PDB file of N, CA and C in Angstrom:
ATOM      1  N   MET A   1     -14.184   4.155  33.849  1.00  0.00           N
ATOM      2  CA  MET A   1     -15.535   4.430  33.398  1.00  0.00           C
ATOM      3  C   MET A   1     -16.181   3.088  33.066  1.00  0.00           C
ATOM      4  N   ASN A   2     -17.371   2.885  33.558  1.00  0.00           N
ATOM      5  CA  ASN A   2     -18.104   1.642  33.349  1.00  0.00           C
ATOM      6  C   ASN A   2     -18.868   1.725  32.026  1.00  0.00           C
ATOM      7  N   VAL A   3     -18.507   0.842  31.084  1.00  0.00           N
ATOM      8  CA  VAL A   3     -19.156   0.797  29.779  1.00  0.00           C
ATOM      9  C   VAL A   3     -19.778  -0.577  29.611  1.00  0.00           C
ATOM     10  N   GLN A   4     -21.053  -0.598  29.257  1.00  0.00           N
ATOM     11  CA  GLN A   4     -21.737  -1.856  28.960  1.00  0.00           C
ATOM     12  C   GLN A   4     -22.021  -1.877  27.463  1.00  0.00           C
ATOM     13  N   TYR A   5     -21.911  -3.043  26.869  1.00  0.00           N
ATOM     14  CA  TYR A   5     -22.155  -3.176  25.434  1.00  0.00           C
ATOM     15  C   TYR A   5     -23.407  -3.986  25.179  1.00  0.00           C
ATOM     16  N   ASN A   6     -24.169  -3.521  24.203  1.00  0.00           N
ATOM     17  CA  ASN A   6     -25.324  -4.243  23.690  1.00  0.00           C
ATOM     18  C   ASN A   6     -25.106  -4.312  22.182  1.00  0.00           C
ATOM     19  N   GLY A   7     -24.386  -5.336  21.724  1.00  0.00           N
ATOM     20  CA  GLY A   7     -23.987  -5.403  20.316  1.00  0.00           C
ATOM     21  C   GLY A   7     -22.989  -4.302  20.028  1.00  0.00           C
ATOM     22  N   ALA A   8     -23.279  -3.482  19.011  1.00  0.00           N
ATOM     23  CA  ALA A   8     -22.391  -2.383  18.638  1.00  0.00           C
ATOM     24  C   ALA A   8     -22.723  -1.093  19.380  1.00  0.00           C
ATOM     25  N   VAL A   9     -23.543  -1.183  20.426  1.00  0.00           N
ATOM     26  CA  VAL A   9     -23.921   0.000  21.210  1.00  0.00           C
ATOM     27  C   VAL A   9     -23.171  -0.025  22.539  1.00  0.00           C
ATOM     28  N   ALA A  10     -22.417   1.039  22.781  1.00  0.00           N
ATOM     29  CA  ALA A  10     -21.724   1.209  24.057  1.00  0.00           C
ATOM     30  C   ALA A  10     -22.599   2.106  24.929  1.00  0.00           C
ATOM     31  N   ILE A  11     -22.967   1.619  26.103  1.00  0.00           N
ATOM     32  CA  ILE A  11     -23.864   2.354  26.999  1.00  0.00           C
ATOM     33  C   ILE A  11     -23.071   2.798  28.224  1.00  0.00           C
ATOM     34  N   ILE A  12     -23.072   4.111  28.456  1.00  0.00           N
ATOM     35  CA  ILE A  12     -22.338   4.690  29.570  1.00  0.00           C
ATOM     36  C   ILE A  12     -23.317   5.503  30.403  1.00  0.00           C
ATOM     37  N   ASP A  13     -23.501   5.127  31.659  1.00  0.00           N
ATOM     38  CA  ASP A  13     -24.416   5.857  32.546  1.00  0.00           C
ATOM     39  C   ASP A  13     -23.580   6.642  33.543  1.00  0.00           C
ATOM     40  N   LEU A  14     -23.567   7.956  33.378  1.00  0.00           N
ATOM     41  CA  LEU A  14     -22.753   8.834  34.216  1.00  0.00           C
ATOM     42  C   LEU A  14     -23.576   9.653  35.198  1.00  0.00           C
ATOM     43  N   ARG A  15     -24.849   9.341  35.337  1.00  0.00           N
ATOM     44  CA  ARG A  15     -25.714  10.165  36.186  1.00  0.00           C
ATOM     45  C   ARG A  15     -25.224  10.225  37.625  1.00  0.00           C
ATOM     46  N   ASP A  16     -24.865   9.090  38.215  1.00  0.00           N
ATOM     47  CA  ASP A  16     -24.408   9.105  39.607  1.00  0.00           C
ATOM     48  C   ASP A  16     -23.097   9.866  39.763  1.00  0.00           C
ATOM     49  N   ARG A  17     -22.149   9.619  38.869  1.00  0.00           N
ATOM     50  CA  ARG A  17     -20.850  10.293  38.967  1.00  0.00           C
ATOM     51  C   ARG A  17     -20.991  11.802  38.863  1.00  0.00           C
ATOM     52  N   ILE A  18     -21.775  12.260  37.903  1.00  0.00           N
ATOM     53  CA  ILE A  18     -21.944  13.700  37.719  1.00  0.00           C
ATOM     54  C   ILE A  18     -22.714  14.295  38.888  1.00  0.00           C
ATOM     55  N   SER A  19     -23.707  13.587  39.388  1.00  0.00           N
ATOM     56  CA  SER A  19     -24.474  14.070  40.544  1.00  0.00           C
ATOM     57  C   SER A  19     -23.589  14.204  41.785  1.00  0.00           C
ATOM     58  N   ARG A  20     -22.519  13.405  41.853  1.00  0.00           N
ATOM     59  CA  ARG A  20     -21.570  13.503  42.980  1.00  0.00           C
ATOM     60  C   ARG A  20     -20.525  14.593  42.761  1.00  0.00           C
ATOM     61  N   GLY A  21     -20.629  15.325  41.655  1.00  0.00           N
ATOM     62  CA  GLY A  21     -19.713  16.424  41.398  1.00  0.00           C
ATOM     63  C   GLY A  21     -18.521  16.071  40.526  1.00  0.00           C
ATOM     64  N   GLU A  22     -18.479  14.859  39.993  1.00  0.00           N
ATOM     65  CA  GLU A  22     -17.380  14.478  39.110  1.00  0.00           C
ATOM     66  C   GLU A  22     -17.621  15.054  37.717  1.00  0.00           C
ATOM     67  N   HIS A  23     -16.535  15.235  36.981  1.00  0.00           N
ATOM     68  CA  HIS A  23     -16.603  15.795  35.635  1.00  0.00           C
ATOM     69  C   HIS A  23     -15.820  14.899  34.679  1.00  0.00           C
ATOM     70  N   PRO A  24     -16.418  13.789  34.213  1.00  0.00           N
ATOM     71  CA  PRO A  24     -15.693  12.814  33.395  1.00  0.00           C
ATOM     72  C   PRO A  24     -15.627  13.155  31.902  1.00  0.00           C
ATOM     73  N   ARG A  25     -15.729  14.427  31.559  1.00  0.00           N
ATOM     74  CA  ARG A  25     -15.764  14.851  30.160  1.00  0.00           C
ATOM     75  C   ARG A  25     -14.560  14.330  29.372  1.00  0.00           C
ATOM     76  N   GLN A  26     -13.353  14.443  29.933  1.00  0.00           N
ATOM     77  CA  GLN A  26     -12.167  13.983  29.210  1.00  0.00           C
ATOM     78  C   GLN A  26     -12.195  12.476  28.987  1.00  0.00           C
ATOM     79  N   GLU A  27     -12.705  11.727  29.959  1.00  0.00           N
ATOM     80  CA  GLU A  27     -12.841  10.276  29.797  1.00  0.00           C
ATOM     81  C   GLU A  27     -13.785   9.950  28.644  1.00  0.00           C
ATOM     82  N   ILE A  28     -14.875  10.690  28.561  1.00  0.00           N
ATOM     83  CA  ILE A  28     -15.850  10.461  27.493  1.00  0.00           C
ATOM     84  C   ILE A  28     -15.219  10.771  26.141  1.00  0.00           C
ATOM     85  N   LEU A  29     -14.563  11.920  26.030  1.00  0.00           N
ATOM     86  CA  LEU A  29     -13.937  12.300  24.770  1.00  0.00           C
ATOM     87  C   LEU A  29     -12.889  11.278  24.342  1.00  0.00           C
ATOM     88  N   GLN A  30     -12.115  10.785  25.286  1.00  0.00           N
ATOM     89  CA  GLN A  30     -11.102   9.783  24.980  1.00  0.00           C
ATOM     90  C   GLN A  30     -11.770   8.486  24.514  1.00  0.00           C
ATOM     91  N   PHE A  31     -12.810   8.056  25.222  1.00  0.00           N
ATOM     92  CA  PHE A  31     -13.514   6.826  24.840  1.00  0.00           C
ATOM     93  C   PHE A  31     -14.088   6.950  23.433  1.00  0.00           C
ATOM     94  N   VAL A  32     -14.768   8.046  23.156  1.00  0.00           N
ATOM     95  CA  VAL A  32     -15.397   8.233  21.845  1.00  0.00           C
ATOM     96  C   VAL A  32     -14.335   8.263  20.748  1.00  0.00           C
ATOM     97  N   SER A  33     -13.243   8.967  20.972  1.00  0.00           N
ATOM     98  CA  SER A  33     -12.218   9.074  19.932  1.00  0.00           C
ATOM     99  C   SER A  33     -11.500   7.750  19.691  1.00  0.00           C
ATOM    100  N   GLN A  34     -11.508   6.836  20.673  1.00  0.00           N
ATOM    101  CA  GLN A  34     -10.832   5.557  20.524  1.00  0.00           C
ATOM    102  C   GLN A  34     -11.785   4.405  20.202  1.00  0.00           C
ATOM    103  N   ALA A  35     -13.077   4.673  20.163  1.00  0.00           N
ATOM    104  CA  ALA A  35     -14.059   3.621  19.870  1.00  0.00           C
ATOM    105  C   ALA A  35     -13.899   3.138  18.428  1.00  0.00           C
ATOM    106  N   GLU A  36     -14.272   1.891  18.215  1.00  0.00           N
ATOM    107  CA  GLU A  36     -14.208   1.328  16.862  1.00  0.00           C
ATOM    108  C   GLU A  36     -15.202   2.037  15.953  1.00  0.00           C
ATOM    109  N   THR A  37     -14.837   2.160  14.695  1.00  0.00           N
ATOM    110  CA  THR A  37     -15.730   2.761  13.706  1.00  0.00           C
ATOM    111  C   THR A  37     -17.054   2.004  13.689  1.00  0.00           C
ATOM    112  N   GLY A  38     -18.141   2.739  13.670  1.00  0.00           N
ATOM    113  CA  GLY A  38     -19.478   2.145  13.650  1.00  0.00           C
ATOM    114  C   GLY A  38     -20.091   1.954  15.020  1.00  0.00           C
ATOM    115  N   THR A  39     -19.322   2.221  16.076  1.00  0.00           N
ATOM    116  CA  THR A  39     -19.858   2.073  17.429  1.00  0.00           C
ATOM    117  C   THR A  39     -20.856   3.186  17.718  1.00  0.00           C
ATOM    118  N   VAL A  40     -22.039   2.803  18.172  1.00  0.00           N
ATOM    119  CA  VAL A  40     -23.033   3.765  18.635  1.00  0.00           C
ATOM    120  C   VAL A  40     -22.771   3.949  20.130  1.00  0.00           C
ATOM    121  N   ILE A  41     -22.671   5.197  20.561  1.00  0.00           N
ATOM    122  CA  ILE A  41     -22.367   5.483  21.959  1.00  0.00           C
ATOM    123  C   ILE A  41     -23.563   6.201  22.567  1.00  0.00           C
ATOM    124  N   GLU A  42     -24.077   5.610  23.642  1.00  0.00           N
ATOM    125  CA  GLU A  42     -25.255   6.112  24.354  1.00  0.00           C
ATOM    126  C   GLU A  42     -24.781   6.534  25.741  1.00  0.00           C
ATOM    127  N   ILE A  43     -24.841   7.836  26.016  1.00  0.00           N
ATOM    128  CA  ILE A  43     -24.350   8.373  27.285  1.00  0.00           C
ATOM    129  C   ILE A  43     -25.533   8.923  28.060  1.00  0.00           C
ATOM    130  N   HIS A  44     -25.726   8.418  29.282  1.00  0.00           N
ATOM    131  CA  HIS A  44     -26.834   8.864  30.141  1.00  0.00           C
ATOM    132  C   HIS A  44     -26.294   9.891  31.134  1.00  0.00           C
ATOM    133  N   LEU A  45     -26.972  11.040  31.182  1.00  0.00           N
ATOM    134  CA  LEU A  45     -26.525  12.180  31.978  1.00  0.00           C
ATOM    135  C   LEU A  45     -27.670  12.736  32.816  1.00  0.00           C
ATOM    136  N   PRO A  46     -27.363  13.415  33.939  1.00  0.00           N
ATOM    137  CA  PRO A  46     -28.419  14.007  34.758  1.00  0.00           C
ATOM    138  C   PRO A  46     -28.863  15.382  34.265  1.00  0.00           C
ATOM    139  N   GLN A  47     -28.204  15.893  33.230  1.00  0.00           N
ATOM    140  CA  GLN A  47     -28.509  17.230  32.710  1.00  0.00           C
ATOM    141  C   GLN A  47     -28.062  17.301  31.260  1.00  0.00           C
ATOM    142  N   ARG A  48     -28.534  18.313  30.556  1.00  0.00           N
ATOM    143  CA  ARG A  48     -28.042  18.522  29.183  1.00  0.00           C
ATOM    144  C   ARG A  48     -26.557  18.858  29.290  1.00  0.00           C
ATOM    145  N   ALA A  49     -25.809  18.469  28.321  1.00  0.00           N
ATOM    146  CA  ALA A  49     -24.360  18.669  28.377  1.00  0.00           C
ATOM    147  C   ALA A  49     -23.897  19.419  27.131  1.00  0.00           C
ATOM    148  N   GLU A  50     -24.269  20.682  27.040  1.00  0.00           N
ATOM    149  CA  GLU A  50     -23.946  21.476  25.855  1.00  0.00           C
ATOM    150  C   GLU A  50     -22.440  21.572  25.613  1.00  0.00           C
ATOM    151  N   ARG A  51     -21.671  21.695  26.679  1.00  0.00           N
ATOM    152  CA  ARG A  51     -20.214  21.795  26.525  1.00  0.00           C
ATOM    153  C   ARG A  51     -19.642  20.489  25.966  1.00  0.00           C
ATOM    154  N   LEU A  52     -20.109  19.361  26.456  1.00  0.00           N
ATOM    155  CA  LEU A  52     -19.667  18.064  25.938  1.00  0.00           C
ATOM    156  C   LEU A  52     -20.064  17.924  24.472  1.00  0.00           C
ATOM    157  N   VAL A  53     -21.280  18.298  24.129  1.00  0.00           N
ATOM    158  CA  VAL A  53     -21.747  18.230  22.743  1.00  0.00           C
ATOM    159  C   VAL A  53     -20.844  19.084  21.852  1.00  0.00           C
ATOM    160  N   ALA A  54     -20.504  20.292  22.298  1.00  0.00           N
ATOM    161  CA  ALA A  54     -19.631  21.175  21.523  1.00  0.00           C
ATOM    162  C   ALA A  54     -18.244  20.559  21.344  1.00  0.00           C
ATOM    163  N   GLU A  55     -17.725  19.927  22.391  1.00  0.00           N
ATOM    164  CA  GLU A  55     -16.408  19.293  22.284  1.00  0.00           C
ATOM    165  C   GLU A  55     -16.446  18.080  21.373  1.00  0.00           C
ATOM    166  N   LEU A  56     -17.535  17.311  21.411  1.00  0.00           N
ATOM    167  CA  LEU A  56     -17.674  16.192  20.483  1.00  0.00           C
ATOM    168  C   LEU A  56     -17.716  16.706  19.043  1.00  0.00           C
ATOM    169  N   GLU A  57     -18.462  17.773  18.818  1.00  0.00           N
ATOM    170  CA  GLU A  57     -18.536  18.344  17.476  1.00  0.00           C
ATOM    171  C   GLU A  57     -17.182  18.850  17.013  1.00  0.00           C
ATOM    172  N   SER A  58     -16.367  19.363  17.932  1.00  0.00           N
ATOM    173  CA  SER A  58     -15.049  19.872  17.561  1.00  0.00           C
ATOM    174  C   SER A  58     -14.104  18.763  17.087  1.00  0.00           C
ATOM    175  N   ILE A  59     -14.400  17.497  17.457  1.00  0.00           N
ATOM    176  CA  ILE A  59     -13.590  16.378  16.964  1.00  0.00           C
ATOM    177  C   ILE A  59     -14.329  15.605  15.862  1.00  0.00           C
ATOM    178  N   GLY A  60     -15.396  16.214  15.322  1.00  0.00           N
ATOM    179  CA  GLY A  60     -16.095  15.644  14.189  1.00  0.00           C
ATOM    180  C   GLY A  60     -17.174  14.628  14.523  1.00  0.00           C
ATOM    181  N   ILE A  61     -17.654  14.610  15.771  1.00  0.00           N
ATOM    182  CA  ILE A  61     -18.684  13.667  16.187  1.00  0.00           C
ATOM    183  C   ILE A  61     -19.994  14.431  16.407  1.00  0.00           C
ATOM    184  N   SER A  62     -20.999  14.122  15.590  1.00  0.00           N
ATOM    185  CA  SER A  62     -22.317  14.723  15.782  1.00  0.00           C
ATOM    186  C   SER A  62     -23.078  13.909  16.817  1.00  0.00           C
ATOM    187  N   SER A  63     -23.951  14.577  17.552  1.00  0.00           N
ATOM    188  CA  SER A  63     -24.714  13.871  18.580  1.00  0.00           C
ATOM    189  C   SER A  63     -26.129  14.428  18.660  1.00  0.00           C
ATOM    190  N   VAL A  64     -26.970  13.647  19.321  1.00  0.00           N
ATOM    191  CA  VAL A  64     -28.366  14.026  19.561  1.00  0.00           C
ATOM    192  C   VAL A  64     -28.623  13.804  21.041  1.00  0.00           C
ATOM    193  N   THR A  65     -29.288  14.756  21.687  1.00  0.00           N
ATOM    194  CA  THR A  65     -29.634  14.624  23.096  1.00  0.00           C
ATOM    195  C   THR A  65     -31.146  14.524  23.232  1.00  0.00           C
ATOM    196  N   ASN A  66     -31.600  13.515  23.980  1.00  0.00           N
ATOM    197  CA  ASN A  66     -33.027  13.314  24.217  1.00  0.00           C
ATOM    198  C   ASN A  66     -33.312  13.344  25.708  1.00  0.00           C
ATOM    199  N   PRO A  67     -34.320  14.108  26.147  1.00  0.00           N
ATOM    200  CA  PRO A  67     -34.738  14.026  27.541  1.00  0.00           C
ATOM    201  C   PRO A  67     -35.524  12.734  27.752  1.00  0.00           C
ATOM    202  N   LEU A  68     -35.182  11.997  28.800  1.00  0.00           N
ATOM    203  CA  LEU A  68     -35.875  10.744  29.096  1.00  0.00           C
ATOM    204  C   LEU A  68     -36.699  10.822  30.372  1.00  0.00           C
ATOM    205  N   GLY A  69     -36.517  11.865  31.159  1.00  0.00           N
ATOM    206  CA  GLY A  69     -37.240  12.023  32.417  1.00  0.00           C
ATOM    207  C   GLY A  69     -36.578  13.104  33.240  1.00  0.00           C
ATOM    208  N   ASP A  70     -37.051  13.278  34.455  1.00  0.00           N
ATOM    209  CA  ASP A  70     -36.436  14.255  35.352  1.00  0.00           C
ATOM    210  C   ASP A  70     -34.990  13.863  35.598  1.00  0.00           C
ATOM    211  N   ASN A  71     -34.077  14.791  35.357  1.00  0.00           N
ATOM    212  CA  ASN A  71     -32.653  14.563  35.582  1.00  0.00           C
ATOM    213  C   ASN A  71     -32.118  13.341  34.843  1.00  0.00           C
ATOM    214  N   HIS A  72     -32.643  13.101  33.645  1.00  0.00           N
ATOM    215  CA  HIS A  72     -32.168  11.970  32.845  1.00  0.00           C
ATOM    216  C   HIS A  72     -32.209  12.349  31.361  1.00  0.00           C
ATOM    217  N   PHE A  73     -31.012  12.504  30.798  1.00  0.00           N
ATOM    218  CA  PHE A  73     -30.863  12.828  29.390  1.00  0.00           C
ATOM    219  C   PHE A  73     -29.987  11.767  28.748  1.00  0.00           C
ATOM    220  N   ARG A  74     -30.278  11.462  27.482  1.00  0.00           N
ATOM    221  CA  ARG A  74     -29.481  10.491  26.732  1.00  0.00           C
ATOM    222  C   ARG A  74     -28.829  11.212  25.566  1.00  0.00           C
ATOM    223  N   LEU A  75     -27.512  11.164  25.521  1.00  0.00           N
ATOM    224  CA  LEU A  75     -26.746  11.717  24.411  1.00  0.00           C
ATOM    225  C   LEU A  75     -26.316  10.534  23.544  1.00  0.00           C
ATOM    226  N   MET A  76     -26.636  10.592  22.268  1.00  0.00           N
ATOM    227  CA  MET A  76     -26.310   9.508  21.336  1.00  0.00           C
ATOM    228  C   MET A  76     -25.389  10.044  20.248  1.00  0.00           C
ATOM    229  N   CYS A  77     -24.345   9.266  19.946  1.00  0.00           N
ATOM    230  CA  CYS A  77     -23.450   9.611  18.851  1.00  0.00           C
ATOM    231  C   CYS A  77     -22.907   8.327  18.241  1.00  0.00           C
ATOM    232  N   VAL A  78     -22.326   8.453  17.049  1.00  0.00           N
ATOM    233  CA  VAL A  78     -21.765   7.301  16.338  1.00  0.00           C
ATOM    234  C   VAL A  78     -20.336   7.641  15.966  1.00  0.00           C
ATOM    235  N   ARG A  79     -19.451   6.721  16.252  1.00  0.00           N
ATOM    236  CA  ARG A  79     -18.045   6.880  15.862  1.00  0.00           C
ATOM    237  C   ARG A  79     -17.951   6.524  14.390  1.00  0.00           C
ATOM    238  N   MET A  80     -17.619   7.492  13.558  1.00  0.00           N
ATOM    239  CA  MET A  80     -17.522   7.276  12.107  1.00  0.00           C
ATOM    240  C   MET A  80     -16.083   7.106  11.697  1.00  0.00           C
TER     241      MET A  80
END
C-alpha cells in the first residue's frame, strides 16, 4: 500500500485500486492499528466505505467521511 506522509498525516489514495476491483480493507485496518499514536490518517476512496468505518469503530477508531467530488471521498481518522 502506497502511503505518503505530510508531517504527522499519513495520506493513502486507494481510488484506483478500489476502482479496479481490489478490496484493501485488511491492509487499511492493519496500517491504522499499527500507526504511531497521534498519526492522522487520510484515506481517499471512490465511494463511501460504511463497512470500513464500522470496522474502524470496532477497534476503537472514530472517523469522519467527507465527499470531495464525484467518486472521491476522504475518510479521516486519528490513531489514539
